Amino acid sequence: MRQGEAVKKPVDRGRPRQGDIIVTDVGGHYAISRLKVDRETQEYIGSQQDRAEGLTKACGLAGATYRVFLFQSTGAAYLPFDCSEVLPEPTICEKKQA
């Protein structure tokens, strides 16, 4: 690396961490939960019938601090979800309030 170059922080797309939001397909609805400190136990928050609504709610709960993962029991894997796909860009008024 050359002097004066910006250091890029690697994106952690691995396993969910404490506080991350998990959306799980459970028998036709989508359960939303927050991962606890042991990274195994989840605190149930609610559920949605529609996947898009569930992910939108999860992204709102995660905010800028936490990540959202979609858990697919068929593959038993946590898939990172990009919340910019469902959350609208802030309006000029919202940007001024922040």
Protein backbone atom coordinates (compact mmCIF):
# COMPACT_ATOMS: atom_id res chain seq x y z
CA MET A 1 0.00 0.00 0.00
CA ARG A 2 1.27 3.44 -0.86
CA GLN A 3 1.39 6.35 1.51
CA GLY A 4 -1.76 8.47 1.39
CA GLU A 5 -4.03 5.69 0.07
CA ALA A 6 -7.29 5.12 1.90
CA VAL A 7 -7.58 1.82 3.73
CA LYS A 8 -10.71 -0.05 2.67
CA LYS A 9 -12.45 -1.83 5.50
CA PRO A 10 -13.43 -5.38 4.50
CA VAL A 11 -17.16 -6.08 4.40
CA ASP A 12 -18.09 -8.76 6.93
CA ARG A 13 -20.64 -10.95 5.21
CA GLY A 14 -20.02 -13.93 7.48
CA ARG A 15 -21.98 -15.25 10.39
CA PRO A 16 -24.48 -13.00 12.12
CA ARG A 17 -23.33 -11.18 15.28
CA GLN A 18 -25.11 -10.11 18.42
CA GLY A 19 -27.91 -7.67 17.61
CA ASP A 20 -28.21 -8.61 13.94
CA ILE A 21 -31.74 -9.23 12.64
CA ILE A 22 -32.72 -12.66 11.28
CA VAL A 23 -35.72 -13.24 8.98
CA THR A 24 -36.76 -16.91 8.84
CA ASP A 25 -39.38 -18.58 6.63
CA VAL A 26 -41.54 -20.54 9.07
CA GLY A 27 -44.49 -22.38 7.56
CA GLY A 28 -45.74 -19.67 5.24
CA HIS A 29 -44.85 -16.60 7.29
CA TYR A 30 -41.59 -14.80 8.04
CA ALA A 31 -40.43 -14.65 11.65
CA ILE A 32 -38.27 -11.67 12.62
CA SER A 33 -35.83 -12.01 15.50
CA ARG A 34 -32.70 -10.42 16.96
CA LEU A 35 -29.60 -12.52 17.67
CA LYS A 36 -28.55 -12.59 21.32
CA VAL A 37 -25.04 -12.43 22.77
CA ASP A 38 -24.38 -16.20 22.46
CA ARG A 39 -24.95 -15.92 18.67
CA GLU A 40 -27.23 -18.96 18.83
CA THR A 41 -30.35 -17.77 20.68
CA GLN A 42 -32.80 -15.45 18.95
CA GLU A 43 -35.21 -13.00 20.59
CA TYR A 44 -38.54 -13.11 18.73
CA ILE A 45 -39.70 -9.67 17.56
CA GLY A 46 -42.66 -10.45 15.30
CA SER A 47 -43.69 -11.92 11.97
CA GLN A 48 -45.07 -10.92 8.58
CA GLN A 49 -47.04 -12.92 6.02
CA ASP A 50 -45.14 -11.33 3.14
CA ARG A 51 -41.38 -11.76 2.66
CA ALA A 52 -40.85 -8.21 1.33
CA GLU A 53 -42.74 -6.71 4.29
CA GLY A 54 -40.72 -8.85 6.70
CA LEU A 55 -37.43 -7.74 5.18
CA THR A 56 -38.51 -4.10 5.14
CA LYS A 57 -39.43 -4.29 8.83
CA ALA A 58 -36.15 -6.09 9.62
CA CYS A 59 -34.13 -3.41 7.82
CA GLY A 60 -35.91 -0.69 9.77
CA LEU A 61 -35.06 -2.48 13.03
CA ALA A 62 -31.45 -3.03 12.02
CA GLY A 63 -30.84 0.60 11.12
CA ALA A 64 -27.24 1.50 10.30
CA THR A 65 -25.79 -0.41 13.26
CA TYR A 66 -26.84 -4.00 12.59
CA ARG A 67 -27.17 -6.30 9.58
CA VAL A 68 -30.10 -8.34 8.26
CA PHE A 69 -29.85 -12.01 7.34
CA LEU A 70 -32.35 -14.27 5.63
CA PHE A 71 -32.23 -17.78 7.09
CA GLN A 72 -33.16 -20.52 4.67
CA SER A 73 -33.81 -23.75 6.49
CA THR A 74 -33.52 -25.72 3.23
CA GLY A 75 -29.85 -24.82 2.94
CA ALA A 76 -29.37 -24.15 6.67
CA ALA A 77 -27.49 -20.97 5.84
CA TYR A 78 -27.62 -17.29 6.80
CA LEU A 79 -27.72 -15.13 3.68
CA PRO A 80 -26.80 -11.45 4.14
CA PHE A 81 -29.49 -9.08 2.88
CA ASP A 82 -28.73 -5.64 1.43
CA CYS A 83 -31.26 -3.27 3.00
CA SER A 84 -30.65 -0.62 0.36
CA GLU A 85 -32.81 -2.82 -1.90
CA VAL A 86 -35.95 -2.20 0.18
CA LEU A 87 -35.46 1.06 2.05
CA PRO A 88 -36.14 4.27 0.14
CA GLU A 89 -33.52 7.01 -0.12
CA PRO A 90 -34.09 9.71 2.54
CA THR A 91 -35.87 12.80 1.25
CA ILE A 92 -34.25 16.24 1.42
CA CYS A 93 -36.37 17.05 4.51
CA GLU A 94 -35.27 13.86 6.28
CA LYS A 95 -31.62 14.58 5.49
CA LYS A 96 -31.93 18.08 7.01
CA GLN A 97 -33.48 16.68 10.21
CA ALA A 98 -30.64 14.16 10.70
